[in-house]
Amino acid sequence: MSSQPTEASAPLIPMPSLTPDALRVAVAQIVPSRLPELNEHLASAATSAQRTSSVGPLRAFTAHWGAVVNIERWPQRAARFHACEELAADPLADPEAARAATSEIGRILRTAAEEIGA
């Protein structure tokens, strides 16, 4: 993992290893409402990996959920990410503000992925 984000608060949990089991435990701890989504994604990735004889779908799964965990484990980052999601999805939002929010979502996702080496 590269440098830690500079945030005033500490992470809720240490960054887990990028394995399905470790990511499942982390999601259960910090965003339990997303556990069914993780389980469905893992089942789909495993099916795709078997069907294509490729580990690509499982790598994509761990990269995606590693980034999710890396965002959610930092309370300030997660709050900003979710605020931007809400603004970007608001049909009544100022178009310029919505574009800026979408851009920030991308930046947060890229940073989270880079920090875990994905």
N, C-alpha and C. Protein backbone atom coordinates (compact mmCIF):
# COMPACT_ATOMS: atom_id res chain seq x y z
N MET A 1 0.85 -1.18 0.00
CA MET A 1 0.00 0.00 0.00
C MET A 1 0.89 1.23 0.00
N SER A 2 0.46 2.25 -0.72
CA SER A 2 1.24 3.48 -0.74
C SER A 2 0.88 4.35 0.45
N SER A 3 1.15 5.62 0.36
CA SER A 3 0.97 6.51 1.51
C SER A 3 -0.46 6.54 2.01
N GLN A 4 -0.60 6.73 3.30
CA GLN A 4 -1.91 6.83 3.94
C GLN A 4 -2.51 8.19 3.64
N PRO A 5 -3.84 8.26 3.58
CA PRO A 5 -4.47 9.56 3.39
C PRO A 5 -4.22 10.45 4.59
N THR A 6 -4.13 11.73 4.34
CA THR A 6 -3.96 12.66 5.45
C THR A 6 -5.33 13.12 5.89
N GLU A 7 -5.81 12.53 6.95
CA GLU A 7 -7.12 12.85 7.49
C GLU A 7 -6.96 13.06 8.99
N ALA A 8 -7.84 13.89 9.54
CA ALA A 8 -7.77 14.19 10.97
C ALA A 8 -8.10 12.97 11.82
N SER A 9 -8.99 12.10 11.33
CA SER A 9 -9.39 10.95 12.11
C SER A 9 -8.57 9.72 11.72
N ALA A 10 -8.55 8.76 12.60
CA ALA A 10 -7.86 7.50 12.32
C ALA A 10 -8.82 6.57 11.58
N PRO A 11 -8.28 5.60 10.87
CA PRO A 11 -9.17 4.65 10.20
C PRO A 11 -9.93 3.82 11.23
N LEU A 12 -11.13 3.41 10.85
CA LEU A 12 -11.94 2.58 11.73
C LEU A 12 -11.32 1.21 11.94
N ILE A 13 -10.70 0.68 10.89
CA ILE A 13 -10.03 -0.62 10.94
C ILE A 13 -8.76 -0.53 10.12
N PRO A 14 -7.79 -1.42 10.37
CA PRO A 14 -6.63 -1.47 9.48
C PRO A 14 -7.07 -1.99 8.11
N MET A 15 -6.31 -1.67 7.09
CA MET A 15 -6.63 -2.17 5.75
C MET A 15 -6.39 -3.67 5.75
N PRO A 16 -7.42 -4.46 5.42
CA PRO A 16 -7.26 -5.92 5.39
C PRO A 16 -6.50 -6.36 4.15
N SER A 17 -6.11 -7.61 4.14
CA SER A 17 -5.52 -8.17 2.93
C SER A 17 -6.61 -8.25 1.87
N LEU A 18 -6.20 -8.28 0.62
CA LEU A 18 -7.15 -8.28 -0.48
C LEU A 18 -7.56 -9.70 -0.84
N THR A 19 -8.20 -10.36 0.11
CA THR A 19 -8.76 -11.69 -0.12
C THR A 19 -10.26 -11.60 0.11
N PRO A 20 -11.03 -12.44 -0.54
CA PRO A 20 -12.48 -12.39 -0.32
C PRO A 20 -12.88 -12.51 1.15
N ASP A 21 -12.26 -13.41 1.88
CA ASP A 21 -12.63 -13.58 3.29
C ASP A 21 -12.30 -12.35 4.12
N ALA A 22 -11.11 -11.79 3.94
CA ALA A 22 -10.71 -10.61 4.70
C ALA A 22 -11.58 -9.41 4.34
N LEU A 23 -11.90 -9.25 3.06
CA LEU A 23 -12.76 -8.15 2.64
C LEU A 23 -14.17 -8.32 3.18
N ARG A 24 -14.67 -9.56 3.21
CA ARG A 24 -16.00 -9.81 3.76
C ARG A 24 -16.05 -9.42 5.24
N VAL A 25 -15.02 -9.79 6.00
CA VAL A 25 -14.97 -9.42 7.43
C VAL A 25 -14.95 -7.91 7.59
N ALA A 26 -14.15 -7.23 6.77
CA ALA A 26 -14.05 -5.77 6.85
C ALA A 26 -15.39 -5.11 6.52
N VAL A 27 -16.03 -5.55 5.46
CA VAL A 27 -17.33 -4.98 5.08
C VAL A 27 -18.34 -5.23 6.18
N ALA A 28 -18.33 -6.41 6.76
CA ALA A 28 -19.26 -6.72 7.86
C ALA A 28 -19.04 -5.78 9.05
N GLN A 29 -17.81 -5.34 9.25
CA GLN A 29 -17.50 -4.44 10.36
C GLN A 29 -17.87 -3.00 10.08
N ILE A 30 -17.58 -2.50 8.88
CA ILE A 30 -17.71 -1.06 8.65
C ILE A 30 -18.90 -0.64 7.78
N VAL A 31 -19.38 -1.52 6.93
CA VAL A 31 -20.58 -1.23 6.12
C VAL A 31 -21.41 -2.50 5.97
N PRO A 32 -21.95 -3.00 7.07
CA PRO A 32 -22.66 -4.29 7.01
C PRO A 32 -23.85 -4.28 6.05
N SER A 33 -24.42 -3.13 5.77
CA SER A 33 -25.53 -3.07 4.84
C SER A 33 -25.13 -3.49 3.42
N ARG A 34 -23.84 -3.47 3.13
CA ARG A 34 -23.35 -3.83 1.79
C ARG A 34 -22.90 -5.28 1.69
N LEU A 35 -23.01 -6.03 2.78
CA LEU A 35 -22.58 -7.42 2.77
C LEU A 35 -23.32 -8.27 1.72
N PRO A 36 -24.64 -8.14 1.58
CA PRO A 36 -25.31 -8.92 0.52
C PRO A 36 -24.77 -8.58 -0.88
N GLU A 37 -24.48 -7.31 -1.12
CA GLU A 37 -23.91 -6.89 -2.41
C GLU A 37 -22.55 -7.54 -2.64
N LEU A 38 -21.70 -7.55 -1.60
CA LEU A 38 -20.39 -8.19 -1.71
C LEU A 38 -20.56 -9.67 -2.02
N ASN A 39 -21.45 -10.36 -1.31
CA ASN A 39 -21.63 -11.79 -1.52
C ASN A 39 -22.14 -12.09 -2.93
N GLU A 40 -23.06 -11.27 -3.44
CA GLU A 40 -23.55 -11.46 -4.81
C GLU A 40 -22.43 -11.22 -5.83
N HIS A 41 -21.63 -10.18 -5.59
CA HIS A 41 -20.53 -9.87 -6.50
C HIS A 41 -19.50 -11.01 -6.49
N LEU A 42 -19.21 -11.55 -5.32
CA LEU A 42 -18.25 -12.64 -5.22
C LEU A 42 -18.76 -13.88 -5.95
N ALA A 43 -20.03 -14.21 -5.78
CA ALA A 43 -20.60 -15.37 -6.48
C ALA A 43 -20.53 -15.18 -7.99
N SER A 44 -20.86 -13.98 -8.44
CA SER A 44 -20.80 -13.67 -9.87
C SER A 44 -19.37 -13.74 -10.40
N ALA A 45 -18.43 -13.20 -9.62
CA ALA A 45 -17.02 -13.22 -10.04
C ALA A 45 -16.50 -14.65 -10.11
N ALA A 46 -16.87 -15.48 -9.13
CA ALA A 46 -16.42 -16.87 -9.12
C ALA A 46 -17.00 -17.63 -10.32
N THR A 47 -18.26 -17.39 -10.62
CA THR A 47 -18.90 -18.03 -11.78
C THR A 47 -18.21 -17.60 -13.07
N SER A 48 -17.96 -16.31 -13.20
CA SER A 48 -17.28 -15.80 -14.40
C SER A 48 -15.87 -16.35 -14.51
N ALA A 49 -15.17 -16.42 -13.38
CA ALA A 49 -13.81 -16.96 -13.40
C ALA A 49 -13.80 -18.41 -13.85
N GLN A 50 -14.76 -19.18 -13.36
CA GLN A 50 -14.85 -20.58 -13.75
C GLN A 50 -15.22 -20.72 -15.23
N ARG A 51 -16.20 -19.93 -15.66
CA ARG A 51 -16.67 -20.01 -17.04
C ARG A 51 -15.58 -19.60 -18.03
N THR A 52 -14.78 -18.60 -17.68
CA THR A 52 -13.76 -18.09 -18.60
C THR A 52 -12.37 -18.67 -18.35
N SER A 53 -12.24 -19.48 -17.31
CA SER A 53 -10.92 -20.02 -16.92
C SER A 53 -9.91 -18.89 -16.73
N SER A 54 -10.37 -17.84 -16.05
CA SER A 54 -9.54 -16.66 -15.83
C SER A 54 -9.72 -16.17 -14.39
N VAL A 55 -8.64 -15.67 -13.82
CA VAL A 55 -8.75 -15.08 -12.48
C VAL A 55 -9.11 -13.60 -12.55
N GLY A 56 -9.26 -13.07 -13.76
CA GLY A 56 -9.59 -11.66 -13.95
C GLY A 56 -10.82 -11.21 -13.17
N PRO A 57 -11.93 -11.95 -13.23
CA PRO A 57 -13.10 -11.52 -12.47
C PRO A 57 -12.86 -11.47 -10.95
N LEU A 58 -12.06 -12.38 -10.44
CA LEU A 58 -11.76 -12.36 -9.00
C LEU A 58 -10.82 -11.22 -8.65
N ARG A 59 -9.90 -10.90 -9.54
CA ARG A 59 -9.04 -9.73 -9.32
C ARG A 59 -9.86 -8.45 -9.34
N ALA A 60 -10.81 -8.36 -10.25
CA ALA A 60 -11.68 -7.19 -10.31
C ALA A 60 -12.51 -7.08 -9.03
N PHE A 61 -12.99 -8.21 -8.53
CA PHE A 61 -13.74 -8.23 -7.28
C PHE A 61 -12.90 -7.67 -6.13
N THR A 62 -11.67 -8.19 -5.99
CA THR A 62 -10.83 -7.73 -4.86
C THR A 62 -10.42 -6.27 -5.03
N ALA A 63 -10.19 -5.83 -6.26
CA ALA A 63 -9.85 -4.42 -6.48
C ALA A 63 -11.03 -3.53 -6.12
N HIS A 64 -12.23 -3.91 -6.55
CA HIS A 64 -13.42 -3.11 -6.25
C HIS A 64 -13.68 -3.05 -4.75
N TRP A 65 -13.74 -4.20 -4.10
CA TRP A 65 -14.09 -4.21 -2.68
C TRP A 65 -12.94 -3.72 -1.81
N GLY A 66 -11.70 -3.86 -2.29
CA GLY A 66 -10.58 -3.25 -1.57
C GLY A 66 -10.71 -1.74 -1.56
N ALA A 67 -11.09 -1.17 -2.70
CA ALA A 67 -11.29 0.28 -2.77
C ALA A 67 -12.46 0.72 -1.90
N VAL A 68 -13.56 -0.05 -1.93
CA VAL A 68 -14.71 0.28 -1.08
C VAL A 68 -14.29 0.30 0.38
N VAL A 69 -13.60 -0.75 0.82
CA VAL A 69 -13.16 -0.81 2.22
C VAL A 69 -12.21 0.34 2.52
N ASN A 70 -11.31 0.63 1.60
CA ASN A 70 -10.34 1.70 1.85
C ASN A 70 -11.00 3.06 1.93
N ILE A 71 -12.11 3.25 1.26
CA ILE A 71 -12.87 4.50 1.41
C ILE A 71 -13.63 4.49 2.73
N GLU A 72 -14.36 3.43 2.99
CA GLU A 72 -15.25 3.38 4.14
C GLU A 72 -14.52 3.33 5.48
N ARG A 73 -13.29 2.89 5.49
CA ARG A 73 -12.58 2.79 6.77
C ARG A 73 -12.10 4.15 7.28
N TRP A 74 -12.11 5.15 6.42
CA TRP A 74 -11.76 6.52 6.79
C TRP A 74 -13.05 7.34 6.88
N PRO A 75 -13.55 7.65 8.06
CA PRO A 75 -14.86 8.31 8.20
C PRO A 75 -15.01 9.61 7.40
N GLN A 76 -14.02 10.47 7.40
CA GLN A 76 -14.16 11.74 6.66
C GLN A 76 -14.19 11.50 5.16
N ARG A 77 -13.37 10.59 4.68
CA ARG A 77 -13.35 10.27 3.25
C ARG A 77 -14.70 9.66 2.84
N ALA A 78 -15.19 8.74 3.65
CA ALA A 78 -16.47 8.09 3.34
C ALA A 78 -17.61 9.11 3.32
N ALA A 79 -17.62 10.02 4.29
CA ALA A 79 -18.67 11.03 4.34
C ALA A 79 -18.63 11.91 3.10
N ARG A 80 -17.45 12.32 2.69
CA ARG A 80 -17.32 13.17 1.50
C ARG A 80 -17.74 12.40 0.25
N PHE A 81 -17.31 11.14 0.14
CA PHE A 81 -17.65 10.30 -0.99
C PHE A 81 -19.17 10.18 -1.13
N HIS A 82 -19.85 9.90 -0.02
CA HIS A 82 -21.30 9.71 -0.06
C HIS A 82 -22.03 11.03 -0.33
N ALA A 83 -21.50 12.13 0.19
CA ALA A 83 -22.10 13.44 -0.11
C ALA A 83 -21.99 13.74 -1.60
N CYS A 84 -20.86 13.42 -2.19
CA CYS A 84 -20.68 13.62 -3.63
C CYS A 84 -21.60 12.70 -4.43
N GLU A 85 -21.76 11.46 -3.98
CA GLU A 85 -22.69 10.55 -4.67
C GLU A 85 -24.10 11.12 -4.68
N GLU A 86 -24.53 11.63 -3.53
CA GLU A 86 -25.88 12.19 -3.43
C GLU A 86 -26.04 13.41 -4.34
N LEU A 87 -25.05 14.28 -4.34
CA LEU A 87 -25.12 15.48 -5.18
C LEU A 87 -25.13 15.10 -6.65
N ALA A 88 -24.27 14.18 -7.04
CA ALA A 88 -24.19 13.77 -8.45
C ALA A 88 -25.47 13.11 -8.92
N ALA A 89 -26.19 12.45 -8.03
CA ALA A 89 -27.42 11.75 -8.40
C ALA A 89 -28.66 12.63 -8.30
N ASP A 90 -28.52 13.82 -7.75
CA ASP A 90 -29.67 14.71 -7.54
C ASP A 90 -30.06 15.38 -8.86
N PRO A 91 -31.25 15.05 -9.39
CA PRO A 91 -31.65 15.64 -10.67
C PRO A 91 -31.90 17.15 -10.58
N LEU A 92 -32.05 17.67 -9.37
CA LEU A 92 -32.30 19.10 -9.20
C LEU A 92 -31.03 19.89 -8.89
N ALA A 93 -29.90 19.19 -8.80
CA ALA A 93 -28.64 19.85 -8.47
C ALA A 93 -28.17 20.72 -9.62
N ASP A 94 -27.42 21.75 -9.26
CA ASP A 94 -26.78 22.60 -10.25
C ASP A 94 -25.85 21.72 -11.11
N PRO A 95 -25.96 21.78 -12.44
CA PRO A 95 -25.14 20.91 -13.28
C PRO A 95 -23.64 21.04 -13.03
N GLU A 96 -23.17 22.23 -12.78
CA GLU A 96 -21.73 22.42 -12.52
C GLU A 96 -21.33 21.74 -11.20
N ALA A 97 -22.16 21.88 -10.18
CA ALA A 97 -21.89 21.23 -8.89
C ALA A 97 -21.93 19.72 -9.04
N ALA A 98 -22.87 19.21 -9.83
CA ALA A 98 -22.97 17.77 -10.05
C ALA A 98 -21.74 17.24 -10.79
N ARG A 99 -21.26 18.00 -11.77
CA ARG A 99 -20.03 17.59 -12.49
C ARG A 99 -18.83 17.59 -11.55
N ALA A 100 -18.74 18.60 -10.70
CA ALA A 100 -17.63 18.66 -9.74
C ALA A 100 -17.70 17.48 -8.77
N ALA A 101 -18.90 17.14 -8.34
CA ALA A 101 -19.07 16.00 -7.43
C ALA A 101 -18.68 14.70 -8.13
N THR A 102 -19.06 14.55 -9.38
CA THR A 102 -18.70 13.35 -10.14
C THR A 102 -17.19 13.25 -10.29
N SER A 103 -16.55 14.37 -10.54
CA SER A 103 -15.09 14.40 -10.66
C SER A 103 -14.44 14.01 -9.34
N GLU A 104 -14.98 14.51 -8.23
CA GLU A 104 -14.41 14.18 -6.93
C GLU A 104 -14.62 12.70 -6.60
N ILE A 105 -15.74 12.13 -6.99
CA ILE A 105 -15.97 10.69 -6.79
C ILE A 105 -14.86 9.91 -7.49
N GLY A 106 -14.58 10.28 -8.72
CA GLY A 106 -13.51 9.60 -9.46
C GLY A 106 -12.16 9.74 -8.79
N ARG A 107 -11.86 10.94 -8.28
CA ARG A 107 -10.59 11.16 -7.60
C ARG A 107 -10.50 10.30 -6.34
N ILE A 108 -11.56 10.25 -5.57
CA ILE A 108 -11.55 9.45 -4.34
C ILE A 108 -11.37 7.97 -4.68
N LEU A 109 -12.08 7.49 -5.70
CA LEU A 109 -11.94 6.09 -6.10
C LEU A 109 -10.52 5.79 -6.58
N ARG A 110 -9.95 6.68 -7.39
CA ARG A 110 -8.58 6.46 -7.88
C ARG A 110 -7.58 6.44 -6.73
N THR A 111 -7.72 7.38 -5.80
CA THR A 111 -6.81 7.44 -4.66
C THR A 111 -6.92 6.17 -3.82
N ALA A 112 -8.15 5.74 -3.55
CA ALA A 112 -8.35 4.53 -2.75
C ALA A 112 -7.74 3.32 -3.43
N ALA A 113 -7.92 3.22 -4.74
CA ALA A 113 -7.35 2.08 -5.49
C ALA A 113 -5.83 2.13 -5.52
N GLU A 114 -5.27 3.32 -5.72
CA GLU A 114 -3.80 3.45 -5.73
C GLU A 114 -3.21 3.08 -4.38
N GLU A 115 -3.85 3.46 -3.30
CA GLU A 115 -3.34 3.18 -1.97
C GLU A 115 -3.27 1.68 -1.67
N ILE A 116 -4.13 0.90 -2.31
CA ILE A 116 -4.09 -0.54 -2.08
C ILE A 116 -3.34 -1.28 -3.18
N GLY A 117 -2.83 -0.52 -4.14
CA GLY A 117 -2.06 -1.13 -5.22
C GLY A 117 -2.91 -1.78 -6.29
N ALA A 118 -4.15 -1.36 -6.40
CA ALA A 118 -5.03 -1.95 -7.42
C ALA A 118 -4.96 -1.16 -8.71
